[in-house]
Amino acid sequence: MEGSPPWRPRALLSCIDQRYIDRLLPAPAVRTWALRLLVAAALLVFAYQCISVGRRLDWPAFVLALGRPGNWRYLLLAVAMMPLNWLLEARKWQLLLHAFLPWSFGKVVRATLAGVSLSAATPNRIGEIGGRLLLARRGEYTGVVASSLLGSACQWVAFLLLAWPALVVTVGGVVQGPWQVLGGWLLPLGPLLVVVLAVGGRPLILRLLRWIEGRFHRPTAELRASLVNVKYTLMLRSSAYACLRFSVYCVQLYLLLWFFGLELPWWTGLAGIAAIYLVQAGIPLPPGLNFVTRTELGLLLWQVDAADGVAVLAAYTALFSVNVLLPALPGYWLIVRKNRS
């Protein structure tokens, strides 16, 4: 953007004194052990579910059911949608990145795959930004970080517009009584929050940055200048791609559930998938544990017998392999090639 000063990641970090952060958080050793215990507990619960379901399942009948006529088309279609998933992510990011850097779509796709490779082991895909930075020059770090953070905000717009109503509907199908009345009032809350943030979000952030500058004596002028130049139309277009990508994810999992034998009604099935994703999205865990969390929620929502439990476990495992592990392979190769050059 012409006439605007470059935004630097340090501008955001310098706004907050590390001493104030340390006062709010436990000691590093406590945080490390707490995370280890959380990981161990999640894996133990997941292992127990797998063993419990596996003991009750008629495995020959389950394997035979996978070969029923026309069933493989569900798996093939879900796998074929993986490139569409990441192409939509790349296009969403390119729209935002063009406000800072004139990258080609091919370079954006390569950087997106590099981000996938590092995000596979970091909480809430934090490593996604680091992977993208590995394919950028030092002078481009500013635009990569800023546009990636804006992309995450657009993804939450998709959650509030699509997943929040799905969560209200899904809970209404499980919980009876007062929720039927309360759910009607809660249904428009997510879209309404998007409208409120679109109208007042940027002024509120600018006021907060000014307060931080006055309170902690940290410069925020560069960050404020960059936020002023982010247009609503740009965020709207990127949010539309985020909504499309989230829809692709839901359809992929729905197809895999059908392939493994859990034939859910299309409306309640897609709503349940979106609701589970929203519940899990607020938990800062690496994708591997996110996968475990979503699987446990799926078992809670859909498991009726052992076959249903195996279908949920297998569908989430297959989707994690297709959408994260598979595209991470070319991402690792791109990073290695960049480091060698």
C-alpha atoms as a PDB file:
ATOM      1  CA  MET A   1       0.000   0.000   0.000  1.00  0.00           C
ATOM      2  CA  GLU A   2       1.525   3.250  -1.137  1.00  0.00           C
ATOM      3  CA  GLY A   3       2.218   5.907   1.459  1.00  0.00           C
ATOM      4  CA  SER A   4       1.826   3.584   4.448  1.00  0.00           C
ATOM      5  CA  PRO A   5       4.803   2.719   6.643  1.00  0.00           C
ATOM      6  CA  PRO A   6       5.843  -0.934   6.757  1.00  0.00           C
ATOM      7  CA  TRP A   7       4.364  -2.987   9.564  1.00  0.00           C
ATOM      8  CA  ARG A   8       6.836  -4.994  11.601  1.00  0.00           C
ATOM      9  CA  PRO A   9       6.007  -7.975  13.820  1.00  0.00           C
ATOM     10  CA  ARG A  10       8.141  -6.377  16.539  1.00  0.00           C
ATOM     11  CA  ALA A  11       5.710  -3.451  16.638  1.00  0.00           C
ATOM     12  CA  LEU A  12       3.086  -5.745  18.112  1.00  0.00           C
ATOM     13  CA  LEU A  13       5.447  -7.544  20.480  1.00  0.00           C
ATOM     14  CA  SER A  14       6.949  -4.310  21.736  1.00  0.00           C
ATOM     15  CA  CYS A  15       3.539  -3.099  22.879  1.00  0.00           C
ATOM     16  CA  ILE A  16       3.518  -5.562  25.756  1.00  0.00           C
ATOM     17  CA  ASP A  17       6.119  -5.778  28.449  1.00  0.00           C
ATOM     18  CA  GLN A  18       7.185  -9.389  29.046  1.00  0.00           C
ATOM     19  CA  ARG A  19       7.185  -8.795  32.796  1.00  0.00           C
ATOM     20  CA  TYR A  20       3.411  -8.292  32.792  1.00  0.00           C
ATOM     21  CA  ILE A  21       2.922 -11.502  30.824  1.00  0.00           C
ATOM     22  CA  ASP A  22       5.098 -13.485  33.238  1.00  0.00           C
ATOM     23  CA  ARG A  23       2.980 -12.307  36.179  1.00  0.00           C
ATOM     24  CA  LEU A  24      -0.172 -13.724  34.613  1.00  0.00           C
ATOM     25  CA  LEU A  25       1.249 -17.099  33.567  1.00  0.00           C
ATOM     26  CA  PRO A  26       2.578 -20.000  35.668  1.00  0.00           C
ATOM     27  CA  ALA A  27       6.283 -20.756  35.749  1.00  0.00           C
ATOM     28  CA  PRO A  28       7.706 -22.235  32.492  1.00  0.00           C
ATOM     29  CA  ALA A  29       8.364 -25.591  34.173  1.00  0.00           C
ATOM     30  CA  VAL A  30       4.757 -25.765  35.404  1.00  0.00           C
ATOM     31  CA  ARG A  31       3.413 -24.935  31.925  1.00  0.00           C
ATOM     32  CA  THR A  32       5.634 -27.600  30.354  1.00  0.00           C
ATOM     33  CA  TRP A  33       4.524 -30.340  32.725  1.00  0.00           C
ATOM     34  CA  ALA A  34       0.881 -29.273  32.505  1.00  0.00           C
ATOM     35  CA  LEU A  35       1.028 -29.589  28.734  1.00  0.00           C
ATOM     36  CA  ARG A  36       2.678 -32.994  28.993  1.00  0.00           C
ATOM     37  CA  LEU A  37       0.004 -34.244  31.374  1.00  0.00           C
ATOM     38  CA  LEU A  38      -2.722 -32.900  29.092  1.00  0.00           C
ATOM     39  CA  VAL A  39      -1.195 -34.659  26.090  1.00  0.00           C
ATOM     40  CA  ALA A  40      -0.802 -37.914  28.021  1.00  0.00           C
ATOM     41  CA  ALA A  41      -4.390 -37.785  29.313  1.00  0.00           C
ATOM     42  CA  ALA A  42      -5.806 -37.079  25.858  1.00  0.00           C
ATOM     43  CA  LEU A  43      -3.825 -39.929  24.288  1.00  0.00           C
ATOM     44  CA  LEU A  44      -4.852 -42.358  27.051  1.00  0.00           C
ATOM     45  CA  VAL A  45      -8.530 -41.505  26.597  1.00  0.00           C
ATOM     46  CA  PHE A  46      -8.194 -41.897  22.846  1.00  0.00           C
ATOM     47  CA  ALA A  47      -6.413 -45.257  23.217  1.00  0.00           C
ATOM     48  CA  TYR A  48      -9.116 -46.471  25.614  1.00  0.00           C
ATOM     49  CA  GLN A  49     -11.825 -45.509  23.125  1.00  0.00           C
ATOM     50  CA  CYS A  50     -10.051 -47.346  20.302  1.00  0.00           C
ATOM     51  CA  ILE A  51      -9.576 -50.523  22.365  1.00  0.00           C
ATOM     52  CA  SER A  52     -13.104 -50.430  23.785  1.00  0.00           C
ATOM     53  CA  VAL A  53     -14.748 -49.967  20.402  1.00  0.00           C
ATOM     54  CA  GLY A  54     -12.462 -52.514  18.709  1.00  0.00           C
ATOM     55  CA  ARG A  55     -13.386 -55.260  21.185  1.00  0.00           C
ATOM     56  CA  ARG A  56     -17.105 -54.859  20.509  1.00  0.00           C
ATOM     57  CA  LEU A  57     -16.910 -54.658  16.710  1.00  0.00           C
ATOM     58  CA  ASP A  58     -17.554 -57.446  14.225  1.00  0.00           C
ATOM     59  CA  TRP A  59     -14.448 -56.709  12.154  1.00  0.00           C
ATOM     60  CA  PRO A  60     -15.146 -59.097   9.226  1.00  0.00           C
ATOM     61  CA  ALA A  61     -18.593 -57.551   8.721  1.00  0.00           C
ATOM     62  CA  PHE A  62     -17.161 -54.028   8.989  1.00  0.00           C
ATOM     63  CA  VAL A  63     -14.453 -54.678   6.370  1.00  0.00           C
ATOM     64  CA  LEU A  64     -16.969 -56.365   4.095  1.00  0.00           C
ATOM     65  CA  ALA A  65     -19.252 -53.322   4.341  1.00  0.00           C
ATOM     66  CA  LEU A  66     -16.468 -51.066   3.034  1.00  0.00           C
ATOM     67  CA  GLY A  67     -16.607 -52.904  -0.274  1.00  0.00           C
ATOM     68  CA  ARG A  68     -20.315 -52.391  -0.838  1.00  0.00           C
ATOM     69  CA  PRO A  69     -21.174 -51.134  -4.360  1.00  0.00           C
ATOM     70  CA  GLY A  70     -20.465 -47.449  -4.947  1.00  0.00           C
ATOM     71  CA  ASN A  71     -18.909 -46.911  -1.531  1.00  0.00           C
ATOM     72  CA  TRP A  72     -15.406 -46.030  -2.729  1.00  0.00           C
ATOM     73  CA  ARG A  73     -16.670 -42.950  -4.504  1.00  0.00           C
ATOM     74  CA  TYR A  74     -17.121 -41.258  -1.121  1.00  0.00           C
ATOM     75  CA  LEU A  75     -13.466 -41.825  -0.245  1.00  0.00           C
ATOM     76  CA  LEU A  76     -12.195 -40.752  -3.671  1.00  0.00           C
ATOM     77  CA  LEU A  77     -14.269 -37.572  -3.620  1.00  0.00           C
ATOM     78  CA  ALA A  78     -13.066 -36.661  -0.123  1.00  0.00           C
ATOM     79  CA  VAL A  79      -9.426 -37.121  -1.181  1.00  0.00           C
ATOM     80  CA  ALA A  80     -10.001 -35.157  -4.405  1.00  0.00           C
ATOM     81  CA  MET A  81     -11.296 -32.210  -2.364  1.00  0.00           C
ATOM     82  CA  MET A  82      -8.015 -31.870  -0.441  1.00  0.00           C
ATOM     83  CA  PRO A  83      -6.326 -29.723  -3.140  1.00  0.00           C
ATOM     84  CA  LEU A  84      -9.453 -27.544  -3.285  1.00  0.00           C
ATOM     85  CA  ASN A  85      -9.225 -27.057   0.483  1.00  0.00           C
ATOM     86  CA  TRP A  86      -5.680 -25.688   0.334  1.00  0.00           C
ATOM     87  CA  LEU A  87      -6.177 -23.768  -2.906  1.00  0.00           C
ATOM     88  CA  LEU A  88      -9.005 -21.866  -1.214  1.00  0.00           C
ATOM     89  CA  GLU A  89      -6.722 -21.172   1.750  1.00  0.00           C
ATOM     90  CA  ALA A  90      -3.997 -19.962  -0.603  1.00  0.00           C
ATOM     91  CA  ARG A  91      -6.396 -17.678  -2.467  1.00  0.00           C
ATOM     92  CA  LYS A  92      -7.745 -16.249   0.794  1.00  0.00           C
ATOM     93  CA  TRP A  93      -4.214 -15.502   1.957  1.00  0.00           C
ATOM     94  CA  GLN A  94      -3.165 -14.065  -1.418  1.00  0.00           C
ATOM     95  CA  LEU A  95      -5.946 -11.475  -1.294  1.00  0.00           C
ATOM     96  CA  LEU A  96      -4.680 -10.268   2.072  1.00  0.00           C
ATOM     97  CA  LEU A  97      -1.010 -10.585   1.158  1.00  0.00           C
ATOM     98  CA  HIS A  98      -1.430  -8.396  -1.934  1.00  0.00           C
ATOM     99  CA  ALA A  99      -2.032  -5.466   0.388  1.00  0.00           C
ATOM    100  CA  PHE A 100       1.629  -5.868   1.380  1.00  0.00           C
ATOM    101  CA  LEU A 101       3.473  -7.965  -1.240  1.00  0.00           C
ATOM    102  CA  PRO A 102       2.901  -8.714  -4.968  1.00  0.00           C
ATOM    103  CA  TRP A 103       3.408 -12.485  -4.717  1.00  0.00           C
ATOM    104  CA  SER A 104       2.210 -14.730  -7.535  1.00  0.00           C
ATOM    105  CA  PHE A 105      -0.403 -17.371  -6.805  1.00  0.00           C
ATOM    106  CA  GLY A 106       2.155 -20.133  -7.357  1.00  0.00           C
ATOM    107  CA  LYS A 107       4.467 -18.701  -4.695  1.00  0.00           C
ATOM    108  CA  VAL A 108       1.542 -18.291  -2.314  1.00  0.00           C
ATOM    109  CA  VAL A 109       0.604 -21.970  -2.801  1.00  0.00           C
ATOM    110  CA  ARG A 110       4.183 -23.083  -2.116  1.00  0.00           C
ATOM    111  CA  ALA A 111       4.371 -20.970   1.043  1.00  0.00           C
ATOM    112  CA  THR A 112       0.981 -22.314   2.170  1.00  0.00           C
ATOM    113  CA  LEU A 113       2.228 -25.904   1.868  1.00  0.00           C
ATOM    114  CA  ALA A 114       5.383 -24.983   3.790  1.00  0.00           C
ATOM    115  CA  GLY A 115       3.152 -23.584   6.508  1.00  0.00           C
ATOM    116  CA  VAL A 116       1.180 -26.835   6.664  1.00  0.00           C
ATOM    117  CA  SER A 117       4.389 -28.801   7.229  1.00  0.00           C
ATOM    118  CA  LEU A 118       5.288 -26.838  10.377  1.00  0.00           C
ATOM    119  CA  SER A 119       1.734 -26.364  11.625  1.00  0.00           C
ATOM    120  CA  ALA A 120       1.301 -30.124  12.042  1.00  0.00           C
ATOM    121  CA  ALA A 121       3.079 -29.983  15.415  1.00  0.00           C
ATOM    122  CA  THR A 122       2.177 -26.553  16.817  1.00  0.00           C
ATOM    123  CA  PRO A 123      -0.843 -25.300  18.811  1.00  0.00           C
ATOM    124  CA  ASN A 124      -3.632 -23.775  16.707  1.00  0.00           C
ATOM    125  CA  ARG A 125      -1.355 -23.893  13.630  1.00  0.00           C
ATOM    126  CA  ILE A 126       0.996 -21.223  15.002  1.00  0.00           C
ATOM    127  CA  GLY A 127       3.779 -22.858  13.009  1.00  0.00           C
ATOM    128  CA  GLU A 128       1.859 -22.078   9.833  1.00  0.00           C
ATOM    129  CA  ILE A 129       3.265 -18.532   9.893  1.00  0.00           C
ATOM    130  CA  GLY A 130       6.763 -19.827  10.577  1.00  0.00           C
ATOM    131  CA  GLY A 131       6.586 -22.185   7.613  1.00  0.00           C
ATOM    132  CA  ARG A 132       5.477 -19.375   5.333  1.00  0.00           C
ATOM    133  CA  LEU A 133       8.311 -17.183   6.563  1.00  0.00           C
ATOM    134  CA  LEU A 134      10.831 -19.855   5.562  1.00  0.00           C
ATOM    135  CA  LEU A 135       9.936 -19.264   1.913  1.00  0.00           C
ATOM    136  CA  ALA A 136      10.052 -15.471   2.214  1.00  0.00           C
ATOM    137  CA  ARG A 137      12.944 -13.025   2.155  1.00  0.00           C
ATOM    138  CA  ARG A 138      13.744 -11.066   5.289  1.00  0.00           C
ATOM    139  CA  GLY A 139      12.265  -7.896   3.863  1.00  0.00           C
ATOM    140  CA  GLU A 140       8.975  -9.727   3.243  1.00  0.00           C
ATOM    141  CA  TYR A 141       8.460 -10.939   6.819  1.00  0.00           C
ATOM    142  CA  THR A 142       6.277  -7.942   7.622  1.00  0.00           C
ATOM    143  CA  GLY A 143       3.647  -8.681   4.981  1.00  0.00           C
ATOM    144  CA  VAL A 144       3.647 -12.443   5.590  1.00  0.00           C
ATOM    145  CA  VAL A 145       3.001 -12.136   9.326  1.00  0.00           C
ATOM    146  CA  ALA A 146       0.398  -9.365   9.048  1.00  0.00           C
ATOM    147  CA  SER A 147      -1.590 -11.050   6.255  1.00  0.00           C
ATOM    148  CA  SER A 148      -1.502 -14.442   8.024  1.00  0.00           C
ATOM    149  CA  LEU A 149      -2.939 -12.914  11.209  1.00  0.00           C
ATOM    150  CA  LEU A 150      -5.677 -11.245   9.172  1.00  0.00           C
ATOM    151  CA  GLY A 151      -6.373 -14.606   7.528  1.00  0.00           C
ATOM    152  CA  SER A 152      -6.919 -16.186  10.941  1.00  0.00           C
ATOM    153  CA  ALA A 153      -9.436 -13.440  11.737  1.00  0.00           C
ATOM    154  CA  CYS A 154     -11.285 -14.214   8.492  1.00  0.00           C
ATOM    155  CA  GLN A 155     -11.416 -17.893   9.447  1.00  0.00           C
ATOM    156  CA  TRP A 156     -13.138 -16.958  12.704  1.00  0.00           C
ATOM    157  CA  VAL A 157     -15.673 -14.978  10.702  1.00  0.00           C
ATOM    158  CA  ALA A 158     -16.490 -18.261   8.955  1.00  0.00           C
ATOM    159  CA  PHE A 159     -16.851 -20.021  12.297  1.00  0.00           C
ATOM    160  CA  LEU A 160     -19.239 -17.395  13.645  1.00  0.00           C
ATOM    161  CA  LEU A 161     -21.338 -17.303  10.471  1.00  0.00           C
ATOM    162  CA  LEU A 162     -21.521 -21.056   9.811  1.00  0.00           C
ATOM    163  CA  ALA A 163     -20.403 -23.053  12.828  1.00  0.00           C
ATOM    164  CA  TRP A 164     -22.167 -21.037  15.542  1.00  0.00           C
ATOM    165  CA  PRO A 165     -25.691 -21.587  14.134  1.00  0.00           C
ATOM    166  CA  ALA A 166     -24.745 -25.239  13.577  1.00  0.00           C
ATOM    167  CA  LEU A 167     -23.703 -25.537  17.228  1.00  0.00           C
ATOM    168  CA  VAL A 168     -26.987 -24.040  18.453  1.00  0.00           C
ATOM    169  CA  VAL A 169     -29.003 -26.391  16.219  1.00  0.00           C
ATOM    170  CA  THR A 170     -26.950 -29.435  17.224  1.00  0.00           C
ATOM    171  CA  VAL A 171     -27.256 -28.748  20.948  1.00  0.00           C
ATOM    172  CA  GLY A 172     -30.982 -28.154  20.458  1.00  0.00           C
ATOM    173  CA  GLY A 173     -31.301 -31.652  19.000  1.00  0.00           C
ATOM    174  CA  VAL A 174     -29.648 -33.197  22.050  1.00  0.00           C
ATOM    175  CA  VAL A 175     -30.850 -31.011  24.934  1.00  0.00           C
ATOM    176  CA  GLN A 176     -34.572 -30.562  25.360  1.00  0.00           C
ATOM    177  CA  GLY A 177     -36.622 -28.238  27.517  1.00  0.00           C
ATOM    178  CA  PRO A 178     -35.602 -24.595  28.061  1.00  0.00           C
ATOM    179  CA  TRP A 179     -32.910 -24.800  25.359  1.00  0.00           C
ATOM    180  CA  GLN A 180     -35.595 -24.816  22.672  1.00  0.00           C
ATOM    181  CA  VAL A 181     -36.535 -21.265  23.664  1.00  0.00           C
ATOM    182  CA  LEU A 182     -33.010 -20.119  24.555  1.00  0.00           C
ATOM    183  CA  GLY A 183     -31.587 -21.498  21.311  1.00  0.00           C
ATOM    184  CA  GLY A 184     -33.832 -19.241  19.268  1.00  0.00           C
ATOM    185  CA  TRP A 185     -32.292 -16.212  20.959  1.00  0.00           C
ATOM    186  CA  LEU A 186     -28.739 -17.537  20.670  1.00  0.00           C
ATOM    187  CA  LEU A 187     -28.967 -18.484  16.986  1.00  0.00           C
ATOM    188  CA  PRO A 188     -28.255 -15.010  15.542  1.00  0.00           C
ATOM    189  CA  LEU A 189     -25.568 -14.228  18.149  1.00  0.00           C
ATOM    190  CA  GLY A 190     -22.630 -15.370  16.002  1.00  0.00           C
ATOM    191  CA  PRO A 191     -23.576 -13.415  12.850  1.00  0.00           C
ATOM    192  CA  LEU A 192     -24.487 -10.424  15.024  1.00  0.00           C
ATOM    193  CA  LEU A 193     -21.035 -10.527  16.626  1.00  0.00           C
ATOM    194  CA  VAL A 194     -19.460 -10.435  13.150  1.00  0.00           C
ATOM    195  CA  VAL A 195     -21.461  -7.291  12.344  1.00  0.00           C
ATOM    196  CA  VAL A 196     -20.490  -5.633  15.635  1.00  0.00           C
ATOM    197  CA  LEU A 197     -16.803  -6.410  15.096  1.00  0.00           C
ATOM    198  CA  ALA A 198     -16.960  -5.202  11.491  1.00  0.00           C
ATOM    199  CA  VAL A 199     -18.425  -1.874  12.577  1.00  0.00           C
ATOM    200  CA  GLY A 200     -16.578  -1.241  15.828  1.00  0.00           C
ATOM    201  CA  GLY A 201     -13.667  -3.673  15.847  1.00  0.00           C
ATOM    202  CA  ARG A 202     -11.056  -1.479  14.210  1.00  0.00           C
ATOM    203  CA  PRO A 203     -11.830   1.679  16.249  1.00  0.00           C
ATOM    204  CA  LEU A 204     -11.742  -0.429  19.413  1.00  0.00           C
ATOM    205  CA  ILE A 205      -8.364  -1.929  18.499  1.00  0.00           C
ATOM    206  CA  LEU A 206      -6.958   1.516  17.682  1.00  0.00           C
ATOM    207  CA  ARG A 207      -8.104   2.853  21.058  1.00  0.00           C
ATOM    208  CA  LEU A 208      -6.590  -0.176  22.774  1.00  0.00           C
ATOM    209  CA  LEU A 209      -3.266   0.388  21.028  1.00  0.00           C
ATOM    210  CA  ARG A 210      -3.247   4.040  22.066  1.00  0.00           C
ATOM    211  CA  TRP A 211      -3.933   2.994  25.657  1.00  0.00           C
ATOM    212  CA  ILE A 212      -1.075   0.467  25.510  1.00  0.00           C
ATOM    213  CA  GLU A 213       1.252   3.142  24.167  1.00  0.00           C
ATOM    214  CA  GLY A 214       0.333   5.536  26.968  1.00  0.00           C
ATOM    215  CA  ARG A 215       0.275   2.943  29.744  1.00  0.00           C
ATOM    216  CA  PHE A 216       3.375   0.914  28.870  1.00  0.00           C
ATOM    217  CA  HIS A 217       5.247   3.535  26.820  1.00  0.00           C
ATOM    218  CA  ARG A 218       5.518   1.192  23.830  1.00  0.00           C
ATOM    219  CA  PRO A 219       5.314   2.651  20.305  1.00  0.00           C
ATOM    220  CA  THR A 220       2.260   1.512  18.321  1.00  0.00           C
ATOM    221  CA  ALA A 221       2.173   4.082  15.501  1.00  0.00           C
ATOM    222  CA  GLU A 222       3.286   1.659  12.799  1.00  0.00           C
ATOM    223  CA  LEU A 223       0.726  -0.940  13.797  1.00  0.00           C
ATOM    224  CA  ARG A 224      -2.073   1.630  13.906  1.00  0.00           C
ATOM    225  CA  ALA A 225      -1.130   2.910  10.449  1.00  0.00           C
ATOM    226  CA  SER A 226      -1.262  -0.580   8.963  1.00  0.00           C
ATOM    227  CA  LEU A 227      -4.698  -1.292  10.481  1.00  0.00           C
ATOM    228  CA  VAL A 228      -6.151   1.902   9.005  1.00  0.00           C
ATOM    229  CA  ASN A 229      -5.266   0.686   5.503  1.00  0.00           C
ATOM    230  CA  VAL A 230      -7.095  -2.655   5.839  1.00  0.00           C
ATOM    231  CA  LYS A 231     -10.364  -2.196   3.928  1.00  0.00           C
ATOM    232  CA  TYR A 232     -13.668  -3.857   4.768  1.00  0.00           C
ATOM    233  CA  THR A 233     -14.078  -5.096   1.197  1.00  0.00           C
ATOM    234  CA  LEU A 234     -10.768  -6.951   1.416  1.00  0.00           C
ATOM    235  CA  MET A 235     -11.754  -8.653   4.661  1.00  0.00           C
ATOM    236  CA  LEU A 236     -15.175  -9.479   3.207  1.00  0.00           C
ATOM    237  CA  ARG A 237     -13.718 -11.189   0.134  1.00  0.00           C
ATOM    238  CA  SER A 238     -11.210 -13.143   2.205  1.00  0.00           C
ATOM    239  CA  SER A 239     -13.927 -14.177   4.662  1.00  0.00           C
ATOM    240  CA  ALA A 240     -15.974 -15.525   1.738  1.00  0.00           C
ATOM    241  CA  TYR A 241     -13.068 -17.805   0.801  1.00  0.00           C
ATOM    242  CA  ALA A 242     -12.762 -18.832   4.450  1.00  0.00           C
ATOM    243  CA  CYS A 243     -16.446 -19.823   4.465  1.00  0.00           C
ATOM    244  CA  LEU A 244     -15.977 -21.859   1.289  1.00  0.00           C
ATOM    245  CA  ARG A 245     -12.952 -23.628   2.737  1.00  0.00           C
ATOM    246  CA  PHE A 246     -14.770 -24.472   5.978  1.00  0.00           C
ATOM    247  CA  SER A 247     -17.662 -25.876   3.937  1.00  0.00           C
ATOM    248  CA  VAL A 248     -15.239 -28.069   1.988  1.00  0.00           C
ATOM    249  CA  TYR A 249     -13.823 -29.434   5.249  1.00  0.00           C
ATOM    250  CA  CYS A 250     -17.295 -30.300   6.555  1.00  0.00           C
ATOM    251  CA  VAL A 251     -18.240 -32.049   3.306  1.00  0.00           C
ATOM    252  CA  GLN A 252     -14.971 -34.025   3.320  1.00  0.00           C
ATOM    253  CA  LEU A 253     -15.623 -35.409   6.796  1.00  0.00           C
ATOM    254  CA  TYR A 254     -19.274 -36.092   5.962  1.00  0.00           C
ATOM    255  CA  LEU A 255     -18.193 -38.176   2.926  1.00  0.00           C
ATOM    256  CA  LEU A 256     -15.659 -40.117   4.997  1.00  0.00           C
ATOM    257  CA  LEU A 257     -18.252 -40.892   7.666  1.00  0.00           C
ATOM    258  CA  TRP A 258     -20.486 -42.328   4.942  1.00  0.00           C
ATOM    259  CA  PHE A 259     -17.584 -44.334   3.508  1.00  0.00           C
ATOM    260  CA  PHE A 260     -16.885 -45.940   6.878  1.00  0.00           C
ATOM    261  CA  GLY A 261     -20.542 -46.775   7.435  1.00  0.00           C
ATOM    262  CA  LEU A 262     -22.008 -43.916   9.503  1.00  0.00           C
ATOM    263  CA  GLU A 263     -24.795 -42.697   7.209  1.00  0.00           C
ATOM    264  CA  LEU A 264     -25.891 -39.471   8.853  1.00  0.00           C
ATOM    265  CA  PRO A 265     -28.679 -37.251   7.470  1.00  0.00           C
ATOM    266  CA  TRP A 266     -26.996 -34.515   5.439  1.00  0.00           C
ATOM    267  CA  TRP A 267     -28.324 -31.564   7.448  1.00  0.00           C
ATOM    268  CA  THR A 268     -27.754 -32.872  10.974  1.00  0.00           C
ATOM    269  CA  GLY A 269     -24.486 -34.499   9.914  1.00  0.00           C
ATOM    270  CA  LEU A 270     -22.960 -31.326   8.477  1.00  0.00           C
ATOM    271  CA  ALA A 271     -24.283 -29.271  11.400  1.00  0.00           C
ATOM    272  CA  GLY A 272     -22.715 -31.674  13.892  1.00  0.00           C
ATOM    273  CA  ILE A 273     -19.364 -31.568  12.086  1.00  0.00           C
ATOM    274  CA  ALA A 274     -19.338 -27.760  12.092  1.00  0.00           C
ATOM    275  CA  ALA A 275     -20.390 -27.631  15.758  1.00  0.00           C
ATOM    276  CA  ILE A 276     -17.603 -29.993  16.818  1.00  0.00           C
ATOM    277  CA  TYR A 277     -15.029 -27.927  14.933  1.00  0.00           C
ATOM    278  CA  LEU A 278     -16.175 -24.725  16.653  1.00  0.00           C
ATOM    279  CA  VAL A 279     -16.036 -26.283  20.122  1.00  0.00           C
ATOM    280  CA  GLN A 280     -12.522 -27.580  19.482  1.00  0.00           C
ATOM    281  CA  ALA A 281     -11.242 -24.454  17.677  1.00  0.00           C
ATOM    282  CA  GLY A 282     -10.972 -22.487  20.908  1.00  0.00           C
ATOM    283  CA  ILE A 283      -8.662 -25.056  22.530  1.00  0.00           C
ATOM    284  CA  PRO A 284      -4.969 -24.216  21.831  1.00  0.00           C
ATOM    285  CA  LEU A 285      -3.657 -27.699  21.010  1.00  0.00           C
ATOM    286  CA  PRO A 286      -1.449 -29.045  18.209  1.00  0.00           C
ATOM    287  CA  PRO A 287      -3.360 -30.536  15.238  1.00  0.00           C
ATOM    288  CA  GLY A 288      -2.636 -34.079  16.456  1.00  0.00           C
ATOM    289  CA  LEU A 289      -4.434 -33.427  19.738  1.00  0.00           C
ATOM    290  CA  ASN A 290      -7.074 -31.350  17.956  1.00  0.00           C
ATOM    291  CA  PHE A 291      -7.788 -34.493  15.978  1.00  0.00           C
ATOM    292  CA  VAL A 292      -8.146 -36.485  19.207  1.00  0.00           C
ATOM    293  CA  THR A 293     -10.485 -33.865  20.678  1.00  0.00           C
ATOM    294  CA  ARG A 294     -12.720 -33.777  17.608  1.00  0.00           C
ATOM    295  CA  THR A 295     -12.844 -37.563  17.545  1.00  0.00           C
ATOM    296  CA  GLU A 296     -13.936 -37.728  21.177  1.00  0.00           C
ATOM    297  CA  LEU A 297     -16.662 -35.155  20.545  1.00  0.00           C
ATOM    298  CA  GLY A 298     -17.783 -37.117  17.493  1.00  0.00           C
ATOM    299  CA  LEU A 299     -18.045 -40.293  19.552  1.00  0.00           C
ATOM    300  CA  LEU A 300     -20.071 -38.433  22.159  1.00  0.00           C
ATOM    301  CA  LEU A 301     -22.453 -37.055  19.545  1.00  0.00           C
ATOM    302  CA  TRP A 302     -22.864 -39.928  17.062  1.00  0.00           C
ATOM    303  CA  GLN A 303     -21.809 -43.254  18.581  1.00  0.00           C
ATOM    304  CA  VAL A 304     -24.714 -45.659  18.970  1.00  0.00           C
ATOM    305  CA  ASP A 305     -22.900 -48.986  18.583  1.00  0.00           C
ATOM    306  CA  ALA A 306     -19.373 -50.255  17.987  1.00  0.00           C
ATOM    307  CA  ALA A 307     -19.610 -49.855  14.213  1.00  0.00           C
ATOM    308  CA  ASP A 308     -20.518 -46.183  14.592  1.00  0.00           C
ATOM    309  CA  GLY A 309     -17.569 -45.681  16.929  1.00  0.00           C
ATOM    310  CA  VAL A 310     -15.127 -47.205  14.458  1.00  0.00           C
ATOM    311  CA  ALA A 311     -16.599 -45.111  11.646  1.00  0.00           C
ATOM    312  CA  VAL A 312     -15.998 -41.917  13.654  1.00  0.00           C
ATOM    313  CA  LEU A 313     -12.454 -42.929  14.598  1.00  0.00           C
ATOM    314  CA  ALA A 314     -11.580 -43.969  11.059  1.00  0.00           C
ATOM    315  CA  ALA A 315     -13.152 -40.900   9.414  1.00  0.00           C
ATOM    316  CA  TYR A 316     -11.294 -38.387  11.590  1.00  0.00           C
ATOM    317  CA  THR A 317      -8.036 -40.331  11.194  1.00  0.00           C
ATOM    318  CA  ALA A 318      -8.422 -40.410   7.413  1.00  0.00           C
ATOM    319  CA  LEU A 319      -9.260 -36.694   7.234  1.00  0.00           C
ATOM    320  CA  PHE A 320      -6.236 -35.757   9.360  1.00  0.00           C
ATOM    321  CA  SER A 321      -4.019 -37.852   7.094  1.00  0.00           C
ATOM    322  CA  VAL A 322      -5.477 -36.397   3.897  1.00  0.00           C
ATOM    323  CA  ASN A 323      -5.704 -32.720   4.906  1.00  0.00           C
ATOM    324  CA  VAL A 324      -2.606 -32.336   7.102  1.00  0.00           C
ATOM    325  CA  LEU A 325      -0.081 -35.154   6.700  1.00  0.00           C
ATOM    326  CA  LEU A 326      -0.375 -35.563   2.931  1.00  0.00           C
ATOM    327  CA  PRO A 327       0.100 -31.874   1.966  1.00  0.00           C
ATOM    328  CA  ALA A 328       2.842 -31.577   4.607  1.00  0.00           C
ATOM    329  CA  LEU A 329       5.105 -33.851   2.531  1.00  0.00           C
ATOM    330  CA  PRO A 330       5.611 -31.414  -0.383  1.00  0.00           C
ATOM    331  CA  GLY A 331       5.806 -28.636   2.204  1.00  0.00           C
ATOM    332  CA  TYR A 332       8.818 -30.286   3.862  1.00  0.00           C
ATOM    333  CA  TRP A 333      10.430 -30.739   0.449  1.00  0.00           C
ATOM    334  CA  LEU A 334       9.961 -27.045  -0.378  1.00  0.00           C
ATOM    335  CA  ILE A 335      11.557 -26.015   2.909  1.00  0.00           C
ATOM    336  CA  VAL A 336      14.548 -28.315   2.399  1.00  0.00           C
ATOM    337  CA  ARG A 337      15.031 -27.061  -1.162  1.00  0.00           C
ATOM    338  CA  LYS A 338      14.840 -23.422   0.001  1.00  0.00           C
ATOM    339  CA  ASN A 339      17.440 -24.013   2.723  1.00  0.00           C
ATOM    340  CA  ARG A 340      19.826 -25.703   0.276  1.00  0.00           C
ATOM    341  CA  SER A 341      19.604 -22.906  -2.284  1.00  0.00           C
END
